[in-house]
PDB file of N, CA and C in Angstrom:
ATOM      1  N   MET A   1     -12.154  -1.701 -20.546  1.00  0.00           N
ATOM      2  CA  MET A   1     -11.847  -2.959 -19.895  1.00  0.00           C
ATOM      3  C   MET A   1     -11.787  -4.035 -20.962  1.00  0.00           C
ATOM      4  N   SER A   2     -10.765  -4.887 -20.884  1.00  0.00           N
ATOM      5  CA  SER A   2     -10.608  -5.908 -21.905  1.00  0.00           C
ATOM      6  C   SER A   2     -11.595  -7.043 -21.676  1.00  0.00           C
ATOM      7  N   LEU A   3     -11.753  -7.863 -22.695  1.00  0.00           N
ATOM      8  CA  LEU A   3     -12.660  -8.990 -22.589  1.00  0.00           C
ATOM      9  C   LEU A   3     -12.204  -9.973 -21.522  1.00  0.00           C
ATOM     10  N   SER A   4     -10.876 -10.130 -21.351  1.00  0.00           N
ATOM     11  CA  SER A   4     -10.393 -11.073 -20.348  1.00  0.00           C
ATOM     12  C   SER A   4     -10.808 -10.640 -18.953  1.00  0.00           C
ATOM     13  N   HIS A   5     -10.865  -9.333 -18.710  1.00  0.00           N
ATOM     14  CA  HIS A   5     -11.305  -8.848 -17.400  1.00  0.00           C
ATOM     15  C   HIS A   5     -12.778  -9.178 -17.200  1.00  0.00           C
ATOM     16  N   ARG A   6     -13.568  -9.036 -18.233  1.00  0.00           N
ATOM     17  CA  ARG A   6     -14.997  -9.305 -18.123  1.00  0.00           C
ATOM     18  C   ARG A   6     -15.244 -10.792 -17.895  1.00  0.00           C
ATOM     19  N   ARG A   7     -14.488 -11.638 -18.581  1.00  0.00           N
ATOM     20  CA  ARG A   7     -14.660 -13.078 -18.425  1.00  0.00           C
ATOM     21  C   ARG A   7     -14.223 -13.532 -17.048  1.00  0.00           C
ATOM     22  N   GLU A   8     -13.167 -12.939 -16.524  1.00  0.00           N
ATOM     23  CA  GLU A   8     -12.647 -13.349 -15.231  1.00  0.00           C
ATOM     24  C   GLU A   8     -13.636 -12.998 -14.131  1.00  0.00           C
ATOM     25  N   GLY A   9     -14.116 -11.791 -14.120  1.00  0.00           N
ATOM     26  CA  GLY A   9     -15.073 -11.345 -13.124  1.00  0.00           C
ATOM     27  C   GLY A   9     -14.471 -11.269 -11.733  1.00  0.00           C
ATOM     28  N   PRO A  10     -15.185 -10.617 -10.851  1.00  0.00           N
ATOM     29  CA  PRO A  10     -14.660 -10.419  -9.494  1.00  0.00           C
ATOM     30  C   PRO A  10     -14.495 -11.726  -8.724  1.00  0.00           C
ATOM     31  N   ASP A  11     -15.319 -12.736  -9.008  1.00  0.00           N
ATOM     32  CA  ASP A  11     -15.181 -14.008  -8.295  1.00  0.00           C
ATOM     33  C   ASP A  11     -13.835 -14.655  -8.595  1.00  0.00           C
ATOM     34  N   ARG A  12     -13.447 -14.671  -9.870  1.00  0.00           N
ATOM     35  CA  ARG A  12     -12.169 -15.282 -10.264  1.00  0.00           C
ATOM     36  C   ARG A  12     -11.011 -14.497  -9.664  1.00  0.00           C
ATOM     37  N   LEU A  13     -11.082 -13.171  -9.686  1.00  0.00           N
ATOM     38  CA  LEU A  13     -10.006 -12.356  -9.115  1.00  0.00           C
ATOM     39  C   LEU A  13      -9.898 -12.590  -7.615  1.00  0.00           C
ATOM     40  N   TYR A  14     -11.026 -12.805  -6.959  1.00  0.00           N
ATOM     41  CA  TYR A  14     -11.042 -13.106  -5.524  1.00  0.00           C
ATOM     42  C   TYR A  14     -10.304 -14.421  -5.259  1.00  0.00           C
ATOM     43  N   VAL A  15     -10.535 -15.406  -6.104  1.00  0.00           N
ATOM     44  CA  VAL A  15      -9.880 -16.703  -5.948  1.00  0.00           C
ATOM     45  C   VAL A  15      -8.380 -16.575  -6.204  1.00  0.00           C
ATOM     46  N   ILE A  16      -8.006 -15.860  -7.252  1.00  0.00           N
ATOM     47  CA  ILE A  16      -6.597 -15.697  -7.603  1.00  0.00           C
ATOM     48  C   ILE A  16      -5.810 -15.089  -6.446  1.00  0.00           C
ATOM     49  N   THR A  17      -6.402 -14.125  -5.767  1.00  0.00           N
ATOM     50  CA  THR A  17      -5.693 -13.422  -4.685  1.00  0.00           C
ATOM     51  C   THR A  17      -5.996 -14.001  -3.310  1.00  0.00           C
ATOM     52  N   SER A  18      -6.720 -15.089  -3.256  1.00  0.00           N
ATOM     53  CA  SER A  18      -7.136 -15.702  -1.981  1.00  0.00           C
ATOM     54  C   SER A  18      -7.891 -14.703  -1.118  1.00  0.00           C
ATOM     55  N   GLY A  19      -8.645 -13.842  -1.772  1.00  0.00           N
ATOM     56  CA  GLY A  19      -9.475 -12.878  -1.060  1.00  0.00           C
ATOM     57  C   GLY A  19      -8.770 -11.622  -0.606  1.00  0.00           C
ATOM     58  N   ARG A  20      -7.481 -11.525  -0.884  1.00  0.00           N
ATOM     59  CA  ARG A  20      -6.741 -10.325  -0.468  1.00  0.00           C
ATOM     60  C   ARG A  20      -6.999  -9.192  -1.448  1.00  0.00           C
ATOM     61  N   SER A  21      -7.234  -8.015  -0.920  1.00  0.00           N
ATOM     62  CA  SER A  21      -7.484  -6.875  -1.801  1.00  0.00           C
ATOM     63  C   SER A  21      -6.455  -5.774  -1.603  1.00  0.00           C
ATOM     64  N   GLY A  22      -5.651  -5.879  -0.622  1.00  0.00           N
ATOM     65  CA  GLY A  22      -4.650  -4.847  -0.360  1.00  0.00           C
ATOM     66  C   GLY A  22      -3.474  -5.455   0.357  1.00  0.00           C
ATOM     67  N   GLY A  23      -2.628  -4.586   0.856  1.00  0.00           N
ATOM     68  CA  GLY A  23      -1.464  -5.045   1.582  1.00  0.00           C
ATOM     69  C   GLY A  23      -0.327  -5.476   0.679  1.00  0.00           C
ATOM     70  N   ALA A  24      -0.517  -5.325  -0.631  1.00  0.00           N
ATOM     71  CA  ALA A  24       0.575  -5.677  -1.540  1.00  0.00           C
ATOM     72  C   ALA A  24       1.719  -4.699  -1.352  1.00  0.00           C
ATOM     73  N   ASP A  25       2.885  -5.134  -1.742  1.00  0.00           N
ATOM     74  CA  ASP A  25       4.083  -4.311  -1.589  1.00  0.00           C
ATOM     75  C   ASP A  25       3.877  -2.952  -2.251  1.00  0.00           C
ATOM     76  N   GLN A  26       3.902  -1.921  -1.458  1.00  0.00           N
ATOM     77  CA  GLN A  26       3.661  -0.569  -1.969  1.00  0.00           C
ATOM     78  C   GLN A  26       4.820  -0.062  -2.825  1.00  0.00           C
ATOM     79  N   ASN A  27       5.972  -0.735  -2.775  1.00  0.00           N
ATOM     80  CA  ASN A  27       7.117  -0.320  -3.581  1.00  0.00           C
ATOM     81  C   ASN A  27       7.034  -0.814  -5.020  1.00  0.00           C
ATOM     82  N   LEU A  28       6.011  -1.570  -5.328  1.00  0.00           N
ATOM     83  CA  LEU A  28       5.856  -2.083  -6.688  1.00  0.00           C
ATOM     84  C   LEU A  28       5.019  -1.114  -7.507  1.00  0.00           C
ATOM     85  N   ASP A  29       5.699  -0.174  -8.147  1.00  0.00           N
ATOM     86  CA  ASP A  29       4.944   0.719  -9.022  1.00  0.00           C
ATOM     87  C   ASP A  29       4.891   0.102 -10.413  1.00  0.00           C
ATOM     88  N   ALA A  30       4.258   0.763 -11.326  1.00  0.00           N
ATOM     89  CA  ALA A  30       4.002   0.201 -12.650  1.00  0.00           C
ATOM     90  C   ALA A  30       5.279  -0.115 -13.431  1.00  0.00           C
ATOM     91  N   VAL A  31       6.371   0.600 -13.162  1.00  0.00           N
ATOM     92  CA  VAL A  31       7.597   0.397 -13.936  1.00  0.00           C
ATOM     93  C   VAL A  31       8.658  -0.402 -13.189  1.00  0.00           C
ATOM     94  N   THR A  32       8.341  -0.892 -11.993  1.00  0.00           N
ATOM     95  CA  THR A  32       9.279  -1.748 -11.284  1.00  0.00           C
ATOM     96  C   THR A  32       9.525  -2.993 -12.131  1.00  0.00           C
ATOM     97  N   LEU A  33      10.796  -3.347 -12.284  1.00  0.00           N
ATOM     98  CA  LEU A  33      11.149  -4.505 -13.086  1.00  0.00           C
ATOM     99  C   LEU A  33      11.203  -5.750 -12.210  1.00  0.00           C
ATOM    100  N   ILE A  34      10.634  -6.822 -12.708  1.00  0.00           N
ATOM    101  CA  ILE A  34      10.571  -8.087 -11.988  1.00  0.00           C
ATOM    102  C   ILE A  34      11.403  -9.123 -12.745  1.00  0.00           C
ATOM    103  N   VAL A  35      12.225  -9.880 -11.992  1.00  0.00           N
ATOM    104  CA  VAL A  35      13.059 -10.918 -12.584  1.00  0.00           C
ATOM    105  C   VAL A  35      12.863 -12.203 -11.783  1.00  0.00           C
ATOM    106  N   ALA A  36      12.604 -13.308 -12.491  1.00  0.00           N
ATOM    107  CA  ALA A  36      12.431 -14.608 -11.835  1.00  0.00           C
ATOM    108  C   ALA A  36      13.767 -15.095 -11.295  1.00  0.00           C
ATOM    109  N   GLU A  37      13.743 -15.660 -10.106  1.00  0.00           N
ATOM    110  CA  GLU A  37      14.931 -16.230  -9.487  1.00  0.00           C
ATOM    111  C   GLU A  37      14.854 -17.748  -9.442  1.00  0.00           C
ATOM    112  N   SER A  38      13.716 -18.313  -9.849  1.00  0.00           N
ATOM    113  CA  SER A  38      13.554 -19.767  -9.859  1.00  0.00           C
ATOM    114  C   SER A  38      12.522 -20.148 -10.907  1.00  0.00           C
ATOM    115  N   ALA A  39      12.483 -21.417 -11.181  1.00  0.00           N
ATOM    116  CA  ALA A  39      11.486 -21.942 -12.124  1.00  0.00           C
ATOM    117  C   ALA A  39      10.222 -22.310 -11.351  1.00  0.00           C
ATOM    118  N   PRO A  40       9.100 -22.408 -12.050  1.00  0.00           N
ATOM    119  CA  PRO A  40       7.872 -22.855 -11.386  1.00  0.00           C
ATOM    120  C   PRO A  40       8.038 -24.272 -10.836  1.00  0.00           C
ATOM    121  N   THR A  41       7.292 -24.572  -9.793  1.00  0.00           N
ATOM    122  CA  THR A  41       7.323 -25.905  -9.202  1.00  0.00           C
ATOM    123  C   THR A  41       5.947 -26.552  -9.336  1.00  0.00           C
ATOM    124  N   PRO A  42       5.896 -27.876  -9.340  1.00  0.00           N
ATOM    125  CA  PRO A  42       4.600 -28.558  -9.433  1.00  0.00           C
ATOM    126  C   PRO A  42       3.691 -28.147  -8.276  1.00  0.00           C
ATOM    127  N   GLY A  43       2.430 -27.963  -8.591  1.00  0.00           N
ATOM    128  CA  GLY A  43       1.449 -27.605  -7.577  1.00  0.00           C
ATOM    129  C   GLY A  43       1.349 -26.120  -7.297  1.00  0.00           C
ATOM    130  N   MET A  44       2.201 -25.336  -7.918  1.00  0.00           N
ATOM    131  CA  MET A  44       2.189 -23.884  -7.725  1.00  0.00           C
ATOM    132  C   MET A  44       0.948 -23.292  -8.388  1.00  0.00           C
ATOM    133  N   GLN A  45       0.415 -22.232  -7.798  1.00  0.00           N
ATOM    134  CA  GLN A  45      -0.719 -21.525  -8.405  1.00  0.00           C
ATOM    135  C   GLN A  45      -0.349 -21.143  -9.841  1.00  0.00           C
ATOM    136  N   SER A  46      -1.258 -21.371 -10.765  1.00  0.00           N
ATOM    137  CA  SER A  46      -0.953 -21.184 -12.184  1.00  0.00           C
ATOM    138  C   SER A  46      -0.500 -19.759 -12.516  1.00  0.00           C
ATOM    139  N   GLU A  47      -1.087 -18.757 -11.862  1.00  0.00           N
ATOM    140  CA  GLU A  47      -0.686 -17.365 -12.136  1.00  0.00           C
ATOM    141  C   GLU A  47       0.743 -17.114 -11.664  1.00  0.00           C
ATOM    142  N   HIS A  48       1.115 -17.695 -10.526  1.00  0.00           N
ATOM    143  CA  HIS A  48       2.500 -17.562 -10.055  1.00  0.00           C
ATOM    144  C   HIS A  48       3.455 -18.215 -11.049  1.00  0.00           C
ATOM    145  N   ALA A  49       3.094 -19.388 -11.535  1.00  0.00           N
ATOM    146  CA  ALA A  49       3.932 -20.098 -12.501  1.00  0.00           C
ATOM    147  C   ALA A  49       4.067 -19.293 -13.788  1.00  0.00           C
ATOM    148  N   ARG A  50       2.990 -18.700 -14.249  1.00  0.00           N
ATOM    149  CA  ARG A  50       3.045 -17.892 -15.476  1.00  0.00           C
ATOM    150  C   ARG A  50       3.957 -16.693 -15.293  1.00  0.00           C
ATOM    151  N   ILE A  51       3.894 -16.063 -14.113  1.00  0.00           N
ATOM    152  CA  ILE A  51       4.768 -14.915 -13.848  1.00  0.00           C
ATOM    153  C   ILE A  51       6.227 -15.354 -13.902  1.00  0.00           C
ATOM    154  N   LEU A  52       6.549 -16.480 -13.265  1.00  0.00           N
ATOM    155  CA  LEU A  52       7.936 -16.960 -13.280  1.00  0.00           C
ATOM    156  C   LEU A  52       8.403 -17.248 -14.703  1.00  0.00           C
ATOM    157  N   ASN A  53       7.552 -17.832 -15.519  1.00  0.00           N
ATOM    158  CA  ASN A  53       7.915 -18.104 -16.912  1.00  0.00           C
ATOM    159  C   ASN A  53       8.095 -16.812 -17.707  1.00  0.00           C
ATOM    160  N   LEU A  54       7.229 -15.835 -17.467  1.00  0.00           N
ATOM    161  CA  LEU A  54       7.319 -14.555 -18.186  1.00  0.00           C
ATOM    162  C   LEU A  54       8.580 -13.775 -17.821  1.00  0.00           C
ATOM    163  N   CYS A  55       9.001 -13.896 -16.575  1.00  0.00           N
ATOM    164  CA  CYS A  55      10.058 -13.027 -16.064  1.00  0.00           C
ATOM    165  C   CYS A  55      11.453 -13.647 -16.119  1.00  0.00           C
ATOM    166  N   ALA A  56      11.696 -14.506 -17.105  1.00  0.00           N
ATOM    167  CA  ALA A  56      13.053 -15.016 -17.299  1.00  0.00           C
ATOM    168  C   ALA A  56      13.987 -13.833 -17.557  1.00  0.00           C
ATOM    169  N   GLY A  57      13.478 -12.841 -18.249  1.00  0.00           N
ATOM    170  CA  GLY A  57      14.157 -11.557 -18.419  1.00  0.00           C
ATOM    171  C   GLY A  57      13.316 -10.506 -17.725  1.00  0.00           C
ATOM    172  N   PRO A  58      13.882  -9.358 -17.419  1.00  0.00           N
ATOM    173  CA  PRO A  58      13.126  -8.336 -16.673  1.00  0.00           C
ATOM    174  C   PRO A  58      11.870  -7.872 -17.416  1.00  0.00           C
ATOM    175  N   LEU A  59      10.769  -7.801 -16.676  1.00  0.00           N
ATOM    176  CA  LEU A  59       9.516  -7.247 -17.184  1.00  0.00           C
ATOM    177  C   LEU A  59       8.960  -6.315 -16.127  1.00  0.00           C
ATOM    178  N   SER A  60       8.327  -5.245 -16.561  1.00  0.00           N
ATOM    179  CA  SER A  60       7.716  -4.312 -15.614  1.00  0.00           C
ATOM    180  C   SER A  60       6.402  -4.890 -15.094  1.00  0.00           C
ATOM    181  N   VAL A  61       5.968  -4.377 -13.968  1.00  0.00           N
ATOM    182  CA  VAL A  61       4.710  -4.812 -13.363  1.00  0.00           C
ATOM    183  C   VAL A  61       3.566  -4.649 -14.349  1.00  0.00           C
ATOM    184  N   VAL A  62       3.513  -3.533 -15.039  1.00  0.00           N
ATOM    185  CA  VAL A  62       2.416  -3.285 -15.978  1.00  0.00           C
ATOM    186  C   VAL A  62       2.492  -4.234 -17.182  1.00  0.00           C
ATOM    187  N   GLU A  63       3.696  -4.602 -17.616  1.00  0.00           N
ATOM    188  CA  GLU A  63       3.814  -5.559 -18.716  1.00  0.00           C
ATOM    189  C   GLU A  63       3.314  -6.942 -18.281  1.00  0.00           C
ATOM    190  N   ILE A  64       3.650  -7.329 -17.063  1.00  0.00           N
ATOM    191  CA  ILE A  64       3.183  -8.618 -16.540  1.00  0.00           C
ATOM    192  C   ILE A  64       1.657  -8.629 -16.495  1.00  0.00           C
ATOM    193  N   ALA A  65       1.080  -7.545 -16.000  1.00  0.00           N
ATOM    194  CA  ALA A  65      -0.383  -7.445 -15.936  1.00  0.00           C
ATOM    195  C   ALA A  65      -0.997  -7.579 -17.327  1.00  0.00           C
ATOM    196  N   ALA A  66      -0.383  -6.942 -18.309  1.00  0.00           N
ATOM    197  CA  ALA A  66      -0.902  -7.016 -19.676  1.00  0.00           C
ATOM    198  C   ALA A  66      -0.813  -8.441 -20.220  1.00  0.00           C
ATOM    199  N   HIS A  67       0.311  -9.109 -19.993  1.00  0.00           N
ATOM    200  CA  HIS A  67       0.466 -10.488 -20.464  1.00  0.00           C
ATOM    201  C   HIS A  67      -0.538 -11.427 -19.805  1.00  0.00           C
ATOM    202  N   LEU A  68      -0.794 -11.214 -18.529  1.00  0.00           N
ATOM    203  CA  LEU A  68      -1.718 -12.088 -17.801  1.00  0.00           C
ATOM    204  C   LEU A  68      -3.181 -11.707 -18.015  1.00  0.00           C
ATOM    205  N   GLY A  69      -3.422 -10.489 -18.502  1.00  0.00           N
ATOM    206  CA  GLY A  69      -4.797 -10.016 -18.659  1.00  0.00           C
ATOM    207  C   GLY A  69      -5.472  -9.780 -17.322  1.00  0.00           C
ATOM    208  N   LEU A  70      -4.675  -9.366 -16.332  1.00  0.00           N
ATOM    209  CA  LEU A  70      -5.190  -9.123 -14.984  1.00  0.00           C
ATOM    210  C   LEU A  70      -4.960  -7.672 -14.590  1.00  0.00           C
ATOM    211  N   PRO A  71      -5.763  -7.147 -13.683  1.00  0.00           N
ATOM    212  CA  PRO A  71      -5.530  -5.781 -13.192  1.00  0.00           C
ATOM    213  C   PRO A  71      -4.185  -5.693 -12.468  1.00  0.00           C
ATOM    214  N   VAL A  72      -3.556  -4.541 -12.550  1.00  0.00           N
ATOM    215  CA  VAL A  72      -2.260  -4.315 -11.905  1.00  0.00           C
ATOM    216  C   VAL A  72      -2.351  -4.571 -10.402  1.00  0.00           C
ATOM    217  N   THR A  73      -3.458  -4.216  -9.785  1.00  0.00           N
ATOM    218  CA  THR A  73      -3.591  -4.416  -8.341  1.00  0.00           C
ATOM    219  C   THR A  73      -3.531  -5.901  -7.986  1.00  0.00           C
ATOM    220  N   VAL A  74      -4.111  -6.748  -8.808  1.00  0.00           N
ATOM    221  CA  VAL A  74      -4.067  -8.193  -8.578  1.00  0.00           C
ATOM    222  C   VAL A  74      -2.645  -8.710  -8.792  1.00  0.00           C
ATOM    223  N   VAL A  75      -1.991  -8.233  -9.838  1.00  0.00           N
ATOM    224  CA  VAL A  75      -0.625  -8.660 -10.134  1.00  0.00           C
ATOM    225  C   VAL A  75       0.322  -8.240  -9.004  1.00  0.00           C
ATOM    226  N   ARG A  76       0.120  -7.080  -8.425  1.00  0.00           N
ATOM    227  CA  ARG A  76       0.956  -6.659  -7.297  1.00  0.00           C
ATOM    228  C   ARG A  76       0.834  -7.630  -6.119  1.00  0.00           C
ATOM    229  N   ILE A  77      -0.361  -8.114  -5.863  1.00  0.00           N
ATOM    230  CA  ILE A  77      -0.565  -9.079  -4.776  1.00  0.00           C
ATOM    231  C   ILE A  77       0.182 -10.373  -5.093  1.00  0.00           C
ATOM    232  N   LEU A  78       0.062 -10.849  -6.327  1.00  0.00           N
ATOM    233  CA  LEU A  78       0.755 -12.072  -6.725  1.00  0.00           C
ATOM    234  C   LEU A  78       2.267 -11.897  -6.658  1.00  0.00           C
ATOM    235  N   LEU A  79       2.756 -10.741  -7.093  1.00  0.00           N
ATOM    236  CA  LEU A  79       4.192 -10.479  -7.057  1.00  0.00           C
ATOM    237  C   LEU A  79       4.706 -10.399  -5.624  1.00  0.00           C
ATOM    238  N   THR A  80       3.926  -9.834  -4.737  1.00  0.00           N
ATOM    239  CA  THR A  80       4.319  -9.767  -3.333  1.00  0.00           C
ATOM    240  C   THR A  80       4.501 -11.179  -2.774  1.00  0.00           C
ATOM    241  N   ASP A  81       3.605 -12.099  -3.144  1.00  0.00           N
ATOM    242  CA  ASP A  81       3.759 -13.496  -2.732  1.00  0.00           C
ATOM    243  C   ASP A  81       5.101 -14.047  -3.197  1.00  0.00           C
ATOM    244  N   LEU A  82       5.423 -13.794  -4.465  1.00  0.00           N
ATOM    245  CA  LEU A  82       6.653 -14.335  -5.046  1.00  0.00           C
ATOM    246  C   LEU A  82       7.903 -13.660  -4.465  1.00  0.00           C
ATOM    247  N   ILE A  83       7.815 -12.383  -4.169  1.00  0.00           N
ATOM    248  CA  ILE A  83       8.941 -11.680  -3.537  1.00  0.00           C
ATOM    249  C   ILE A  83       9.167 -12.240  -2.134  1.00  0.00           C
ATOM    250  N   ASP A  84       8.080 -12.431  -1.392  1.00  0.00           N
ATOM    251  CA  ASP A  84       8.182 -12.937  -0.017  1.00  0.00           C
ATOM    252  C   ASP A  84       8.826 -14.321   0.048  1.00  0.00           C
ATOM    253  N   THR A  85       8.654 -15.117  -1.003  1.00  0.00           N
ATOM    254  CA  THR A  85       9.240 -16.460  -1.023  1.00  0.00           C
ATOM    255  C   THR A  85      10.577 -16.498  -1.755  1.00  0.00           C
ATOM    256  N   GLY A  86      11.060 -15.353  -2.217  1.00  0.00           N
ATOM    257  CA  GLY A  86      12.354 -15.284  -2.888  1.00  0.00           C
ATOM    258  C   GLY A  86      12.364 -15.818  -4.307  1.00  0.00           C
ATOM    259  N   ARG A  87      11.182 -16.006  -4.890  1.00  0.00           N
ATOM    260  CA  ARG A  87      11.113 -16.549  -6.253  1.00  0.00           C
ATOM    261  C   ARG A  87      11.338 -15.484  -7.319  1.00  0.00           C
ATOM    262  N   VAL A  88      11.095 -14.222  -6.983  1.00  0.00           N
ATOM    263  CA  VAL A  88      11.388 -13.116  -7.902  1.00  0.00           C
ATOM    264  C   VAL A  88      12.056 -11.994  -7.117  1.00  0.00           C
ATOM    265  N   THR A  89      12.751 -11.151  -7.849  1.00  0.00           N
ATOM    266  CA  THR A  89      13.286  -9.933  -7.252  1.00  0.00           C
ATOM    267  C   THR A  89      12.718  -8.744  -8.012  1.00  0.00           C
ATOM    268  N   ALA A  90      12.599  -7.656  -7.297  1.00  0.00           N
ATOM    269  CA  ALA A  90      12.092  -6.414  -7.878  1.00  0.00           C
ATOM    270  C   ALA A  90      13.254  -5.450  -8.006  1.00  0.00           C
ATOM    271  N   ARG A  91      13.365  -4.849  -9.156  1.00  0.00           N
ATOM    272  CA  ARG A  91      14.402  -3.847  -9.422  1.00  0.00           C
ATOM    273  C   ARG A  91      13.720  -2.559  -9.834  1.00  0.00           C
ATOM    274  N   HIS A  92      14.042  -1.533  -9.110  1.00  0.00           N
ATOM    275  CA  HIS A  92      13.497  -0.231  -9.480  1.00  0.00           C
ATOM    276  C   HIS A  92      14.418   0.382 -10.517  1.00  0.00           C
ATOM    277  N   PRO A  93      13.861   0.835 -11.634  1.00  0.00           N
ATOM    278  CA  PRO A  93      14.708   1.403 -12.689  1.00  0.00           C
ATOM    279  C   PRO A  93      15.501   2.591 -12.168  1.00  0.00           C
ATOM    280  N   ALA A  94      16.736   2.679 -12.612  1.00  0.00           N
ATOM    281  CA  ALA A  94      17.581   3.805 -12.222  1.00  0.00           C
ATOM    282  C   ALA A  94      17.032   5.065 -12.873  1.00  0.00           C
ATOM    283  N   PRO A  95      16.951   6.140 -12.130  1.00  0.00           N
ATOM    284  CA  PRO A  95      16.460   7.381 -12.746  1.00  0.00           C
ATOM    285  C   PRO A  95      17.438   7.856 -13.815  1.00  0.00           C
ATOM    286  N   ALA A  96      16.869   8.321 -14.891  1.00  0.00           N
ATOM    287  CA  ALA A  96      17.704   8.853 -15.967  1.00  0.00           C
ATOM    288  C   ALA A  96      18.367  10.135 -15.493  1.00  0.00           C
ATOM    289  N   SER A  97      19.627  10.269 -15.820  1.00  0.00           N
ATOM    290  CA  SER A  97      20.297  11.509 -15.432  1.00  0.00           C
ATOM    291  C   SER A  97      19.835  12.605 -16.383  1.00  0.00           C
ATOM    292  N   PRO A  98      19.448  13.737 -15.829  1.00  0.00           N
ATOM    293  CA  PRO A  98      18.924  14.803 -16.690  1.00  0.00           C
ATOM    294  C   PRO A  98      20.012  15.392 -17.578  1.00  0.00           C
ATOM    295  N   ALA A  99      19.607  15.764 -18.779  1.00  0.00           N
ATOM    296  CA  ALA A  99      20.549  16.397 -19.701  1.00  0.00           C
ATOM    297  C   ALA A  99      20.963  17.766 -19.182  1.00  0.00           C
ATOM    298  N   TYR A 100      20.074  18.367 -18.416  1.00  0.00           N
ATOM    299  CA  TYR A 100      20.344  19.677 -17.836  1.00  0.00           C
ATOM    300  C   TYR A 100      20.116  19.579 -16.329  1.00  0.00           C
ATOM    301  N   PRO A 101      20.842  20.355 -15.564  1.00  0.00           N
ATOM    302  CA  PRO A 101      20.610  20.322 -14.118  1.00  0.00           C
ATOM    303  C   PRO A 101      19.164  20.705 -13.801  1.00  0.00           C
ATOM    304  N   LEU A 102      18.625  20.103 -12.746  1.00  0.00           N
ATOM    305  CA  LEU A 102      17.259  20.415 -12.350  1.00  0.00           C
ATOM    306  C   LEU A 102      17.162  21.853 -11.853  1.00  0.00           C
ATOM    307  N   ALA A 103      16.061  22.480 -12.186  1.00  0.00           N
ATOM    308  CA  ALA A 103      15.851  23.870 -11.772  1.00  0.00           C
ATOM    309  C   ALA A 103      15.568  23.928 -10.276  1.00  0.00           C
ATOM    310  N   SER A 104      15.984  25.004  -9.683  1.00  0.00           N
ATOM    311  CA  SER A 104      15.736  25.190  -8.256  1.00  0.00           C
ATOM    312  C   SER A 104      14.257  25.526  -8.048  1.00  0.00           C
ATOM    313  N   PRO A 105      13.745  25.328  -6.837  1.00  0.00           N
ATOM    314  CA  PRO A 105      12.354  25.670  -6.566  1.00  0.00           C
ATOM    315  C   PRO A 105      12.041  27.145  -6.836  1.00  0.00           C
ATOM    316  N   GLU A 106      13.019  28.012  -6.601  1.00  0.00           N
ATOM    317  CA  GLU A 106      12.795  29.444  -6.845  1.00  0.00           C
ATOM    318  C   GLU A 106      12.562  29.707  -8.334  1.00  0.00           C
ATOM    319  N   VAL A 107      13.346  29.077  -9.187  1.00  0.00           N
ATOM    320  CA  VAL A 107      13.195  29.257 -10.627  1.00  0.00           C
ATOM    321  C   VAL A 107      11.845  28.697 -11.077  1.00  0.00           C
ATOM    322  N   LEU A 108      11.470  27.540 -10.560  1.00  0.00           N
ATOM    323  CA  LEU A 108      10.186  26.955 -10.924  1.00  0.00           C
ATOM    324  C   LEU A 108       9.022  27.850 -10.493  1.00  0.00           C
ATOM    325  N   GLU A 109       9.151  28.457  -9.340  1.00  0.00           N
ATOM    326  CA  GLU A 109       8.103  29.369  -8.870  1.00  0.00           C
ATOM    327  C   GLU A 109       7.992  30.585  -9.784  1.00  0.00           C
ATOM    328  N   LYS A 110       9.116  31.132 -10.226  1.00  0.00           N
ATOM    329  CA  LYS A 110       9.099  32.278 -11.142  1.00  0.00           C
ATOM    330  C   LYS A 110       8.445  31.888 -12.476  1.00  0.00           C
ATOM    331  N   VAL A 111       8.719  30.695 -12.963  1.00  0.00           N
ATOM    332  CA  VAL A 111       8.112  30.228 -14.198  1.00  0.00           C
ATOM    333  C   VAL A 111       6.597  30.105 -14.028  1.00  0.00           C
ATOM    334  N   LEU A 112       6.172  29.554 -12.887  1.00  0.00           N
ATOM    335  CA  LEU A 112       4.749  29.412 -12.605  1.00  0.00           C
ATOM    336  C   LEU A 112       4.054  30.760 -12.564  1.00  0.00           C
ATOM    337  N   VAL A 113       4.680  31.724 -11.901  1.00  0.00           N
ATOM    338  CA  VAL A 113       4.096  33.069 -11.832  1.00  0.00           C
ATOM    339  C   VAL A 113       4.004  33.672 -13.228  1.00  0.00           C
ATOM    340  N   ALA A 114       5.041  33.493 -14.031  1.00  0.00           N
ATOM    341  CA  ALA A 114       5.034  34.025 -15.391  1.00  0.00           C
ATOM    342  C   ALA A 114       3.932  33.381 -16.219  1.00  0.00           C
ATOM    343  N   LEU A 115       3.725  32.100 -16.042  1.00  0.00           N
ATOM    344  CA  LEU A 115       2.658  31.407 -16.783  1.00  0.00           C
ATOM    345  C   LEU A 115       1.285  31.900 -16.362  1.00  0.00           C
ATOM    346  N   HIS A 116       1.108  32.153 -15.069  1.00  0.00           N
ATOM    347  CA  HIS A 116      -0.173  32.686 -14.594  1.00  0.00           C
ATOM    348  C   HIS A 116      -0.424  34.091 -15.143  1.00  0.00           C
ATOM    349  N   ASN A 117       0.618  34.864 -15.369  1.00  0.00           N
ATOM    350  CA  ASN A 117       0.497  36.223 -15.873  1.00  0.00           C
ATOM    351  C   ASN A 117       0.176  36.275 -17.371  1.00  0.00           C
ATOM    352  N   LEU A 118       0.313  35.149 -18.062  1.00  0.00           N
ATOM    353  CA  LEU A 118       0.044  35.148 -19.517  1.00  0.00           C
ATOM    354  C   LEU A 118      -1.398  35.337 -19.816  1.00  0.00           C
TER     355      LEU A 118
END
């Protein structure tokens, strides 16, 4: 755990999330890319403003958490707030096309059996 997590403590994290511990957008995995759609406004929660400033270009959820020094679960709650208000958009990275076709389940099962036999 980083020093920033220790300094923040659970009380500060509770304040940042307004006491919410769950219910964040479940589609926000660690590699979901976030892009700001607006600039921060006066009176906005400082963490929301920092996210908007950070995300002028696409950043992943885990990168945002690292920049803010906050747990990913807290950042997901903050991002859900910003998504709900249209201030950011979430982009799921396109899956890389495999260099080789994916193996069928039957082939994978044969490989597994062969590995168990070793």
